[in-house]
Amino acid sequence: MKTHPGICRRKARFASEADAIAVAERAELALRPYRCELCRQWHLTSRTKGMKLPTFELARRRAPP
């Protein structure tokens, strides 16, 4: 995923993928972490179409309502 400099500056940065996943798990909407090409840290995105989802999100989607 290509991140523009303005977007990178506005987004929260996480030092590790595990840190980003921990925050994404607590979010009400589906988020997935990705490594930013600019800052080399981790950001979260809500874009999931055609992307590999984290394990916790797959489990959330399979769970009965």
PDB file of N, CA and C in Angstrom:
ATOM      1  N   MET A   1       0.853  -1.166   0.000  1.00  0.00           N
ATOM      2  CA  MET A   1       0.000   0.000   0.000  1.00  0.00           C
ATOM      3  C   MET A   1       0.901   1.232   0.000  1.00  0.00           C
ATOM      4  N   LYS A   2       0.635   2.142  -0.886  1.00  0.00           N
ATOM      5  CA  LYS A   2       1.430   3.358  -1.003  1.00  0.00           C
ATOM      6  C   LYS A   2       0.815   4.449  -0.133  1.00  0.00           C
ATOM      7  N   THR A   3       1.575   4.941   0.821  1.00  0.00           N
ATOM      8  CA  THR A   3       1.105   6.002   1.710  1.00  0.00           C
ATOM      9  C   THR A   3       1.731   7.323   1.288  1.00  0.00           C
ATOM     10  N   HIS A   4       0.913   8.353   1.181  1.00  0.00           N
ATOM     11  CA  HIS A   4       1.406   9.678   0.846  1.00  0.00           C
ATOM     12  C   HIS A   4       1.947  10.352   2.101  1.00  0.00           C
ATOM     13  N   PRO A   5       2.927  11.242   1.969  1.00  0.00           N
ATOM     14  CA  PRO A   5       3.532  11.881   3.145  1.00  0.00           C
ATOM     15  C   PRO A   5       2.534  12.557   4.074  1.00  0.00           C
ATOM     16  N   GLY A   6       1.545  13.245   3.544  1.00  0.00           N
ATOM     17  CA  GLY A   6       0.552  13.923   4.379  1.00  0.00           C
ATOM     18  C   GLY A   6      -0.267  12.939   5.200  1.00  0.00           C
ATOM     19  N   ILE A   7      -0.591  11.809   4.610  1.00  0.00           N
ATOM     20  CA  ILE A   7      -1.362  10.777   5.305  1.00  0.00           C
ATOM     21  C   ILE A   7      -0.499  10.157   6.399  1.00  0.00           C
ATOM     22  N   CYS A   8       0.731   9.862   6.087  1.00  0.00           N
ATOM     23  CA  CYS A   8       1.652   9.251   7.053  1.00  0.00           C
ATOM     24  C   CYS A   8       1.803  10.134   8.286  1.00  0.00           C
ATOM     25  N   ARG A   9       1.934  11.422   8.092  1.00  0.00           N
ATOM     26  CA  ARG A   9       2.110  12.343   9.220  1.00  0.00           C
ATOM     27  C   ARG A   9       0.892  12.386  10.138  1.00  0.00           C
ATOM     28  N   ARG A  10      -0.313  12.213   9.555  1.00  0.00           N
ATOM     29  CA  ARG A  10      -1.549  12.301  10.348  1.00  0.00           C
ATOM     30  C   ARG A  10      -1.893  11.002  11.070  1.00  0.00           C
ATOM     31  N   LYS A  11      -1.378   9.881  10.593  1.00  0.00           N
ATOM     32  CA  LYS A  11      -1.748   8.589  11.170  1.00  0.00           C
ATOM     33  C   LYS A  11      -0.917   8.261  12.406  1.00  0.00           C
ATOM     34  N   ALA A  12      -1.534   7.476  13.282  1.00  0.00           N
ATOM     35  CA  ALA A  12      -0.803   6.979  14.456  1.00  0.00           C
ATOM     36  C   ALA A  12       0.269   6.008  13.970  1.00  0.00           C
ATOM     37  N   ARG A  13       1.412   6.026  14.638  1.00  0.00           N
ATOM     38  CA  ARG A  13       2.522   5.139  14.278  1.00  0.00           C
ATOM     39  C   ARG A  13       2.751   4.144  15.411  1.00  0.00           C
ATOM     40  N   PHE A  14       3.043   2.924  15.020  1.00  0.00           N
ATOM     41  CA  PHE A  14       3.311   1.872  15.982  1.00  0.00           C
ATOM     42  C   PHE A  14       4.683   1.289  15.683  1.00  0.00           C
ATOM     43  N   ALA A  15       5.446   1.027  16.730  1.00  0.00           N
ATOM     44  CA  ALA A  15       6.811   0.530  16.571  1.00  0.00           C
ATOM     45  C   ALA A  15       6.848  -0.906  16.066  1.00  0.00           C
ATOM     46  N   SER A  16       5.815  -1.683  16.376  1.00  0.00           N
ATOM     47  CA  SER A  16       5.802  -3.083  15.947  1.00  0.00           C
ATOM     48  C   SER A  16       4.427  -3.463  15.420  1.00  0.00           C
ATOM     49  N   GLU A  17       4.398  -4.525  14.663  1.00  0.00           N
ATOM     50  CA  GLU A  17       3.134  -5.031  14.146  1.00  0.00           C
ATOM     51  C   GLU A  17       2.247  -5.497  15.300  1.00  0.00           C
ATOM     52  N   ALA A  18       2.846  -6.079  16.323  1.00  0.00           N
ATOM     53  CA  ALA A  18       2.085  -6.549  17.486  1.00  0.00           C
ATOM     54  C   ALA A  18       1.370  -5.391  18.183  1.00  0.00           C
ATOM     55  N   ASP A  19       2.033  -4.246  18.292  1.00  0.00           N
ATOM     56  CA  ASP A  19       1.404  -3.067  18.900  1.00  0.00           C
ATOM     57  C   ASP A  19       0.205  -2.610  18.069  1.00  0.00           C
ATOM     58  N   ALA A  20       0.372  -2.593  16.745  1.00  0.00           N
ATOM     59  CA  ALA A  20      -0.707  -2.167  15.854  1.00  0.00           C
ATOM     60  C   ALA A  20      -1.881  -3.140  15.921  1.00  0.00           C
ATOM     61  N   ILE A  21      -1.594  -4.428  15.972  1.00  0.00           N
ATOM     62  CA  ILE A  21      -2.651  -5.432  16.051  1.00  0.00           C
ATOM     63  C   ILE A  21      -3.417  -5.300  17.356  1.00  0.00           C
ATOM     64  N   ALA A  22      -2.725  -5.028  18.448  1.00  0.00           N
ATOM     65  CA  ALA A  22      -3.381  -4.876  19.747  1.00  0.00           C
ATOM     66  C   ALA A  22      -4.412  -3.751  19.710  1.00  0.00           C
ATOM     67  N   VAL A  23      -4.089  -2.650  19.042  1.00  0.00           N
ATOM     68  CA  VAL A  23      -5.031  -1.533  18.921  1.00  0.00           C
ATOM     69  C   VAL A  23      -6.162  -1.903  17.961  1.00  0.00           C
ATOM     70  N   ALA A  24      -5.847  -2.569  16.863  1.00  0.00           N
ATOM     71  CA  ALA A  24      -6.855  -2.951  15.879  1.00  0.00           C
ATOM     72  C   ALA A  24      -7.881  -3.918  16.477  1.00  0.00           C
ATOM     73  N   GLU A  25      -7.442  -4.790  17.371  1.00  0.00           N
ATOM     74  CA  GLU A  25      -8.352  -5.750  18.012  1.00  0.00           C
ATOM     75  C   GLU A  25      -9.415  -5.050  18.850  1.00  0.00           C
ATOM     76  N   ARG A  26      -9.063  -3.930  19.438  1.00  0.00           N
ATOM     77  CA  ARG A  26     -10.003  -3.200  20.297  1.00  0.00           C
ATOM     78  C   ARG A  26     -10.943  -2.286  19.510  1.00  0.00           C
ATOM     79  N   ALA A  27     -10.649  -2.042  18.251  1.00  0.00           N
ATOM     80  CA  ALA A  27     -11.468  -1.138  17.432  1.00  0.00           C
ATOM     81  C   ALA A  27     -12.787  -1.798  17.048  1.00  0.00           C
ATOM     82  N   GLU A  28     -13.818  -0.988  16.928  1.00  0.00           N
ATOM     83  CA  GLU A  28     -15.133  -1.509  16.549  1.00  0.00           C
ATOM     84  C   GLU A  28     -15.214  -1.829  15.060  1.00  0.00           C
ATOM     85  N   LEU A  29     -14.493  -1.105  14.227  1.00  0.00           N
ATOM     86  CA  LEU A  29     -14.508  -1.393  12.807  1.00  0.00           C
ATOM     87  C   LEU A  29     -13.290  -2.235  12.434  1.00  0.00           C
ATOM     88  N   ALA A  30     -13.358  -2.862  11.285  1.00  0.00           N
ATOM     89  CA  ALA A  30     -12.281  -3.742  10.845  1.00  0.00           C
ATOM     90  C   ALA A  30     -11.058  -2.912  10.449  1.00  0.00           C
ATOM     91  N   LEU A  31      -9.959  -3.161  11.111  1.00  0.00           N
ATOM     92  CA  LEU A  31      -8.699  -2.499  10.794  1.00  0.00           C
ATOM     93  C   LEU A  31      -7.624  -3.552  10.597  1.00  0.00           C
ATOM     94  N   ARG A  32      -6.671  -3.253   9.746  1.00  0.00           N
ATOM     95  CA  ARG A  32      -5.531  -4.144   9.589  1.00  0.00           C
ATOM     96  C   ARG A  32      -4.259  -3.312   9.563  1.00  0.00           C
ATOM     97  N   PRO A  33      -3.180  -3.857  10.096  1.00  0.00           N
ATOM     98  CA  PRO A  33      -1.914  -3.125  10.125  1.00  0.00           C
ATOM     99  C   PRO A  33      -1.170  -3.265   8.798  1.00  0.00           C
ATOM    100  N   TYR A  34      -0.369  -2.268   8.487  1.00  0.00           N
ATOM    101  CA  TYR A  34       0.519  -2.355   7.330  1.00  0.00           C
ATOM    102  C   TYR A  34       1.785  -1.566   7.626  1.00  0.00           C
ATOM    103  N   ARG A  35       2.868  -1.974   7.010  1.00  0.00           N
ATOM    104  CA  ARG A  35       4.156  -1.307   7.192  1.00  0.00           C
ATOM    105  C   ARG A  35       4.245  -0.152   6.207  1.00  0.00           C
ATOM    106  N   CYS A  36       4.497   1.031   6.709  1.00  0.00           N
ATOM    107  CA  CYS A  36       4.569   2.234   5.873  1.00  0.00           C
ATOM    108  C   CYS A  36       5.907   2.278   5.132  1.00  0.00           C
ATOM    109  N   GLU A  37       5.846   2.566   3.851  1.00  0.00           N
ATOM    110  CA  GLU A  37       7.060   2.660   3.037  1.00  0.00           C
ATOM    111  C   GLU A  37       7.866   3.919   3.354  1.00  0.00           C
ATOM    112  N   LEU A  38       7.209   4.922   3.915  1.00  0.00           N
ATOM    113  CA  LEU A  38       7.889   6.190   4.189  1.00  0.00           C
ATOM    114  C   LEU A  38       8.606   6.197   5.536  1.00  0.00           C
ATOM    115  N   CYS A  39       7.864   5.894   6.605  1.00  0.00           N
ATOM    116  CA  CYS A  39       8.445   5.993   7.948  1.00  0.00           C
ATOM    117  C   CYS A  39       8.932   4.646   8.478  1.00  0.00           C
ATOM    118  N   ARG A  40       8.618   3.556   7.773  1.00  0.00           N
ATOM    119  CA  ARG A  40       9.030   2.198   8.142  1.00  0.00           C
ATOM    120  C   ARG A  40       8.427   1.738   9.466  1.00  0.00           C
ATOM    121  N   GLN A  41       7.399   2.435   9.938  1.00  0.00           N
ATOM    122  CA  GLN A  41       6.679   1.996  11.121  1.00  0.00           C
ATOM    123  C   GLN A  41       5.339   1.430  10.676  1.00  0.00           C
ATOM    124  N   TRP A  42       4.493   1.058  11.615  1.00  0.00           N
ATOM    125  CA  TRP A  42       3.216   0.430  11.311  1.00  0.00           C
ATOM    126  C   TRP A  42       2.068   1.419  11.490  1.00  0.00           C
ATOM    127  N   HIS A  43       1.127   1.388  10.541  1.00  0.00           N
ATOM    128  CA  HIS A  43      -0.100   2.176  10.592  1.00  0.00           C
ATOM    129  C   HIS A  43      -1.270   1.205  10.530  1.00  0.00           C
ATOM    130  N   LEU A  44      -2.474   1.727  10.746  1.00  0.00           N
ATOM    131  CA  LEU A  44      -3.694   0.937  10.595  1.00  0.00           C
ATOM    132  C   LEU A  44      -4.518   1.506   9.453  1.00  0.00           C
ATOM    133  N   THR A  45      -5.185   0.620   8.726  1.00  0.00           N
ATOM    134  CA  THR A  45      -6.065   1.036   7.654  1.00  0.00           C
ATOM    135  C   THR A  45      -7.368   0.255   7.739  1.00  0.00           C
ATOM    136  N   SER A  46      -8.431   0.876   7.259  1.00  0.00           N
ATOM    137  CA  SER A  46      -9.720   0.186   7.209  1.00  0.00           C
ATOM    138  C   SER A  46      -9.920  -0.470   5.848  1.00  0.00           C
ATOM    139  N   ARG A  47      -9.009  -0.265   4.936  1.00  0.00           N
ATOM    140  CA  ARG A  47      -9.116  -0.894   3.614  1.00  0.00           C
ATOM    141  C   ARG A  47      -8.745  -2.370   3.734  1.00  0.00           C
ATOM    142  N   THR A  48      -9.725  -3.217   3.498  1.00  0.00           N
ATOM    143  CA  THR A  48      -9.492  -4.649   3.656  1.00  0.00           C
ATOM    144  C   THR A  48      -9.834  -5.440   2.400  1.00  0.00           C
ATOM    145  N   LYS A  49     -10.465  -4.825   1.414  1.00  0.00           N
ATOM    146  CA  LYS A  49     -10.902  -5.548   0.226  1.00  0.00           C
ATOM    147  C   LYS A  49      -9.694  -6.139  -0.514  1.00  0.00           C
ATOM    148  N   GLY A  50      -9.705  -7.448  -0.651  1.00  0.00           N
ATOM    149  CA  GLY A  50      -8.630  -8.127  -1.361  1.00  0.00           C
ATOM    150  C   GLY A  50      -7.340  -8.252  -0.572  1.00  0.00           C
ATOM    151  N   MET A  51      -7.344  -7.852   0.698  1.00  0.00           N
ATOM    152  CA  MET A  51      -6.142  -7.893   1.523  1.00  0.00           C
ATOM    153  C   MET A  51      -6.221  -9.045   2.510  1.00  0.00           C
ATOM    154  N   LYS A  52      -5.081  -9.500   2.952  1.00  0.00           N
ATOM    155  CA  LYS A  52      -5.026 -10.535   3.980  1.00  0.00           C
ATOM    156  C   LYS A  52      -5.422  -9.909   5.318  1.00  0.00           C
ATOM    157  N   LEU A  53      -6.429 -10.499   5.954  1.00  0.00           N
ATOM    158  CA  LEU A  53      -6.911  -9.975   7.229  1.00  0.00           C
ATOM    159  C   LEU A  53      -6.187 -10.638   8.392  1.00  0.00           C
ATOM    160  N   PRO A  54      -6.018  -9.907   9.502  1.00  0.00           N
ATOM    161  CA  PRO A  54      -5.419 -10.506  10.692  1.00  0.00           C
ATOM    162  C   PRO A  54      -6.312 -11.633  11.224  1.00  0.00           C
ATOM    163  N   THR A  55      -5.728 -12.556  11.934  1.00  0.00           N
ATOM    164  CA  THR A  55      -6.440 -13.706  12.468  1.00  0.00           C
ATOM    165  C   THR A  55      -7.639 -13.301  13.318  1.00  0.00           C
ATOM    166  N   PHE A  56      -7.469 -12.281  14.172  1.00  0.00           N
ATOM    167  CA  PHE A  56      -8.575 -11.868  15.041  1.00  0.00           C
ATOM    168  C   PHE A  56      -9.764 -11.363  14.234  1.00  0.00           C
ATOM    169  N   GLU A  57      -9.519 -10.721  13.088  1.00  0.00           N
ATOM    170  CA  GLU A  57     -10.609 -10.205  12.275  1.00  0.00           C
ATOM    171  C   GLU A  57     -11.332 -11.342  11.565  1.00  0.00           C
ATOM    172  N   LEU A  58     -10.612 -12.352  11.118  1.00  0.00           N
ATOM    173  CA  LEU A  58     -11.256 -13.518  10.496  1.00  0.00           C
ATOM    174  C   LEU A  58     -12.167 -14.216  11.504  1.00  0.00           C
ATOM    175  N   ALA A  59     -11.692 -14.363  12.735  1.00  0.00           N
ATOM    176  CA  ALA A  59     -12.490 -14.991  13.789  1.00  0.00           C
ATOM    177  C   ALA A  59     -13.727 -14.152  14.106  1.00  0.00           C
ATOM    178  N   ARG A  60     -13.563 -12.839  14.130  1.00  0.00           N
ATOM    179  CA  ARG A  60     -14.683 -11.933  14.420  1.00  0.00           C
ATOM    180  C   ARG A  60     -15.771 -12.071  13.352  1.00  0.00           C
ATOM    181  N   ARG A  61     -15.354 -12.207  12.097  1.00  0.00           N
ATOM    182  CA  ARG A  61     -16.317 -12.308  11.013  1.00  0.00           C
ATOM    183  C   ARG A  61     -17.016 -13.675  10.986  1.00  0.00           C
ATOM    184  N   ARG A  62     -16.371 -14.705  11.487  1.00  0.00           N
ATOM    185  CA  ARG A  62     -16.959 -16.044  11.520  1.00  0.00           C
ATOM    186  C   ARG A  62     -17.894 -16.227  12.707  1.00  0.00           C
ATOM    187  N   ALA A  63     -17.737 -15.449  13.735  1.00  0.00           N
ATOM    188  CA  ALA A  63     -18.543 -15.601  14.949  1.00  0.00           C
ATOM    189  C   ALA A  63     -19.997 -15.278  14.672  1.00  0.00           C
ATOM    190  N   PRO A  64     -20.895 -16.054  15.249  1.00  0.00           N
ATOM    191  CA  PRO A  64     -22.328 -15.768  15.042  1.00  0.00           C
ATOM    192  C   PRO A  64     -22.694 -14.441  15.722  1.00  0.00           C
ATOM    193  N   PRO A  65     -23.651 -13.716  15.133  1.00  0.00           N
ATOM    194  CA  PRO A  65     -24.037 -12.405  15.701  1.00  0.00           C
ATOM    195  C   PRO A  65     -24.691 -12.482  17.041  1.00  0.00           C
TER     196      PRO A  65
END
